Amino acid sequence: MTMEAYRYEDGSISYPGHPVGPDGSEPVETIDLSEYTAEVITWTTSTATPPGVREPNTLAIVEFDVDGEPVRAIGQATSDDLETGDEVEPIYVNELREPGAGIREPESQAWDGYRFEPV
């Protein structure tokens, strides 16, 4: 599984990717952010989580540097021992939440994704 971002004609990169970039162009390249490390910009810990999401749940906004272009992402952290400025790497997990919890049919949802782990 890749953590896919899109690069556009003007050099900008978005995550998640969008069919049209900031300059109005279509993507010209995909980039797998899971091959990069990122810096924690800010973080918070939620103690009142939705059904099926671990509690407490530490979330981080991180910034990747891809060839000098900043790319931000938000996601769960693997640890609550996190500080602004920490270096993290994306770690693939099969279930970001428990598929049986919540109101939607488990088969209709994707439960996998990435968490950020301190390096």
C-alpha atoms as a PDB file:
ATOM      1  CA  MET A   1       0.000   0.000   0.000  1.00  0.00           C
ATOM      2  CA  THR A   2       1.276   3.452  -0.855  1.00  0.00           C
ATOM      3  CA  MET A   3       0.685   6.806   0.793  1.00  0.00           C
ATOM      4  CA  GLU A   4       0.041   8.439  -2.569  1.00  0.00           C
ATOM      5  CA  ALA A   5       0.450  12.159  -3.195  1.00  0.00           C
ATOM      6  CA  TYR A   6       0.150  13.920  -6.576  1.00  0.00           C
ATOM      7  CA  ARG A   7       2.599  16.359  -8.157  1.00  0.00           C
ATOM      8  CA  TYR A   8       1.181  18.936 -10.614  1.00  0.00           C
ATOM      9  CA  GLU A   9       2.686  20.841 -13.543  1.00  0.00           C
ATOM     10  CA  ASP A  10       3.559  23.838 -11.350  1.00  0.00           C
ATOM     11  CA  GLY A  11       5.596  21.568  -9.024  1.00  0.00           C
ATOM     12  CA  SER A  12       3.105  21.660  -6.145  1.00  0.00           C
ATOM     13  CA  ILE A  13       2.269  18.414  -4.366  1.00  0.00           C
ATOM     14  CA  SER A  14      -0.979  17.543  -2.602  1.00  0.00           C
ATOM     15  CA  TYR A  15      -1.900  14.816  -0.182  1.00  0.00           C
ATOM     16  CA  PRO A  16      -4.325  13.337  -0.619  1.00  0.00           C
ATOM     17  CA  GLY A  17      -4.086  13.770  -4.369  1.00  0.00           C
ATOM     18  CA  HIS A  18      -6.804  15.604  -6.260  1.00  0.00           C
ATOM     19  CA  PRO A  19      -7.781  15.282  -9.941  1.00  0.00           C
ATOM     20  CA  VAL A  20      -7.037  19.004 -10.461  1.00  0.00           C
ATOM     21  CA  GLY A  21      -4.121  20.852  -8.859  1.00  0.00           C
ATOM     22  CA  PRO A  22      -3.894  24.423  -7.522  1.00  0.00           C
ATOM     23  CA  ASP A  23      -2.869  25.669 -10.981  1.00  0.00           C
ATOM     24  CA  GLY A  24      -5.809  23.898 -12.654  1.00  0.00           C
ATOM     25  CA  SER A  25      -3.675  21.147 -14.181  1.00  0.00           C
ATOM     26  CA  GLU A  26      -4.040  17.389 -13.924  1.00  0.00           C
ATOM     27  CA  PRO A  27      -1.451  15.412 -11.933  1.00  0.00           C
ATOM     28  CA  VAL A  28       1.789  14.662 -13.766  1.00  0.00           C
ATOM     29  CA  GLU A  29       3.311  12.263 -11.213  1.00  0.00           C
ATOM     30  CA  THR A  30       2.495  10.256  -8.107  1.00  0.00           C
ATOM     31  CA  ILE A  31       4.768  10.211  -5.074  1.00  0.00           C
ATOM     32  CA  ASP A  32       4.756   7.581  -2.322  1.00  0.00           C
ATOM     33  CA  LEU A  33       5.103   9.555   0.928  1.00  0.00           C
ATOM     34  CA  SER A  34       5.689   6.327   2.866  1.00  0.00           C
ATOM     35  CA  GLU A  35       9.251   6.446   1.485  1.00  0.00           C
ATOM     36  CA  TYR A  36       9.923   9.758   3.299  1.00  0.00           C
ATOM     37  CA  THR A  37      10.165  10.966   6.881  1.00  0.00           C
ATOM     38  CA  ALA A  38       8.287  14.026   8.115  1.00  0.00           C
ATOM     39  CA  GLU A  39       8.453  16.603  10.905  1.00  0.00           C
ATOM     40  CA  VAL A  40       5.673  16.995  13.475  1.00  0.00           C
ATOM     41  CA  ILE A  41       4.151  20.466  13.082  1.00  0.00           C
ATOM     42  CA  THR A  42       1.610  20.041  15.888  1.00  0.00           C
ATOM     43  CA  TRP A  43      -0.273  17.255  17.650  1.00  0.00           C
ATOM     44  CA  THR A  44      -3.154  16.617  20.023  1.00  0.00           C
ATOM     45  CA  THR A  45      -4.597  13.712  21.965  1.00  0.00           C
ATOM     46  CA  SER A  46      -8.311  12.969  21.765  1.00  0.00           C
ATOM     47  CA  THR A  47      -9.888  11.232  24.747  1.00  0.00           C
ATOM     48  CA  ALA A  48     -13.429  11.221  23.308  1.00  0.00           C
ATOM     49  CA  THR A  49     -13.058   9.164  20.155  1.00  0.00           C
ATOM     50  CA  PRO A  50     -15.643   7.865  17.652  1.00  0.00           C
ATOM     51  CA  PRO A  51     -16.812   4.246  17.983  1.00  0.00           C
ATOM     52  CA  GLY A  52     -14.054   1.788  17.157  1.00  0.00           C
ATOM     53  CA  VAL A  53     -11.196   4.296  17.422  1.00  0.00           C
ATOM     54  CA  ARG A  54      -8.631   3.677  20.147  1.00  0.00           C
ATOM     55  CA  GLU A  55      -8.772   5.882  23.221  1.00  0.00           C
ATOM     56  CA  PRO A  56      -6.772   7.966  23.805  1.00  0.00           C
ATOM     57  CA  ASN A  57      -5.956   8.705  20.163  1.00  0.00           C
ATOM     58  CA  THR A  58      -2.959  10.919  19.426  1.00  0.00           C
ATOM     59  CA  LEU A  59      -3.172  12.757  16.108  1.00  0.00           C
ATOM     60  CA  ALA A  60      -0.389  14.688  14.395  1.00  0.00           C
ATOM     61  CA  ILE A  61      -0.086  17.177  11.570  1.00  0.00           C
ATOM     62  CA  VAL A  62       3.218  16.447   9.872  1.00  0.00           C
ATOM     63  CA  GLU A  63       5.162  18.020   7.035  1.00  0.00           C
ATOM     64  CA  PHE A  64       7.147  16.070   4.459  1.00  0.00           C
ATOM     65  CA  ASP A  65       9.917  17.679   2.416  1.00  0.00           C
ATOM     66  CA  VAL A  66       9.721  16.229  -1.097  1.00  0.00           C
ATOM     67  CA  ASP A  67      12.481  17.733  -3.218  1.00  0.00           C
ATOM     68  CA  GLY A  68      12.091  21.074  -1.420  1.00  0.00           C
ATOM     69  CA  GLU A  69       8.296  21.093  -1.718  1.00  0.00           C
ATOM     70  CA  PRO A  70       6.368  20.946   1.601  1.00  0.00           C
ATOM     71  CA  VAL A  71       3.548  18.395   1.844  1.00  0.00           C
ATOM     72  CA  ARG A  72       1.354  18.244   4.961  1.00  0.00           C
ATOM     73  CA  ALA A  73      -0.701  15.314   6.215  1.00  0.00           C
ATOM     74  CA  ILE A  74      -2.752  14.548   9.307  1.00  0.00           C
ATOM     75  CA  GLY A  75      -3.036  11.148  10.906  1.00  0.00           C
ATOM     76  CA  GLN A  76      -2.835   8.990  13.995  1.00  0.00           C
ATOM     77  CA  ALA A  77       0.472   8.648  15.815  1.00  0.00           C
ATOM     78  CA  THR A  78       1.794   5.327  17.109  1.00  0.00           C
ATOM     79  CA  SER A  79       2.803   6.918  20.422  1.00  0.00           C
ATOM     80  CA  ASP A  80       1.518   9.590  22.770  1.00  0.00           C
ATOM     81  CA  ASP A  81       5.156  10.523  23.474  1.00  0.00           C
ATOM     82  CA  LEU A  82       5.341  13.087  20.671  1.00  0.00           C
ATOM     83  CA  GLU A  83       6.715  16.619  20.508  1.00  0.00           C
ATOM     84  CA  THR A  84       6.587  19.372  17.914  1.00  0.00           C
ATOM     85  CA  GLY A  85       9.677  19.063  15.733  1.00  0.00           C
ATOM     86  CA  ASP A  86      10.018  15.276  16.143  1.00  0.00           C
ATOM     87  CA  GLU A  87      10.906  13.278  13.049  1.00  0.00           C
ATOM     88  CA  VAL A  88       8.346  10.585  12.178  1.00  0.00           C
ATOM     89  CA  GLU A  89       7.883   7.957   9.509  1.00  0.00           C
ATOM     90  CA  PRO A  90       4.616   6.620   8.085  1.00  0.00           C
ATOM     91  CA  ILE A  91       3.868   3.051   9.234  1.00  0.00           C
ATOM     92  CA  TYR A  92       1.196   1.026   7.416  1.00  0.00           C
ATOM     93  CA  VAL A  93      -1.497  -0.591   9.594  1.00  0.00           C
ATOM     94  CA  ASN A  94      -4.357  -2.898   8.562  1.00  0.00           C
ATOM     95  CA  GLU A  95      -6.943  -1.337  10.869  1.00  0.00           C
ATOM     96  CA  LEU A  96      -6.991   2.287  11.995  1.00  0.00           C
ATOM     97  CA  ARG A  97     -10.262   1.510  13.756  1.00  0.00           C
ATOM     98  CA  GLU A  98     -12.290  -1.565  14.644  1.00  0.00           C
ATOM     99  CA  PRO A  99     -14.394  -2.416  11.548  1.00  0.00           C
ATOM    100  CA  GLY A 100     -17.381  -3.741  13.522  1.00  0.00           C
ATOM    101  CA  ALA A 101     -17.941  -0.475  15.417  1.00  0.00           C
ATOM    102  CA  GLY A 102     -19.963   2.383  14.040  1.00  0.00           C
ATOM    103  CA  ILE A 103     -23.064   2.631  11.910  1.00  0.00           C
ATOM    104  CA  ARG A 104     -21.712   1.695   8.457  1.00  0.00           C
ATOM    105  CA  GLU A 105     -21.346  -1.785   7.025  1.00  0.00           C
ATOM    106  CA  PRO A 106     -17.720  -2.898   7.573  1.00  0.00           C
ATOM    107  CA  GLU A 107     -17.480  -4.154   3.981  1.00  0.00           C
ATOM    108  CA  SER A 108     -18.267  -0.656   2.681  1.00  0.00           C
ATOM    109  CA  GLN A 109     -15.282   0.984   4.376  1.00  0.00           C
ATOM    110  CA  ALA A 110     -11.505   0.929   4.045  1.00  0.00           C
ATOM    111  CA  TRP A 111      -9.998   0.456   7.509  1.00  0.00           C
ATOM    112  CA  ASP A 112      -6.299   0.489   6.653  1.00  0.00           C
ATOM    113  CA  GLY A 113      -3.911   3.414   6.388  1.00  0.00           C
ATOM    114  CA  TYR A 114      -0.862   4.978   7.974  1.00  0.00           C
ATOM    115  CA  ARG A 115       0.153   6.079  11.442  1.00  0.00           C
ATOM    116  CA  PHE A 116       3.161   8.260  12.208  1.00  0.00           C
ATOM    117  CA  GLU A 117       5.905   6.669  14.291  1.00  0.00           C
ATOM    118  CA  PRO A 118       8.750   8.652  15.908  1.00  0.00           C
ATOM    119  CA  VAL A 119      12.100   7.858  14.304  1.00  0.00           C
END
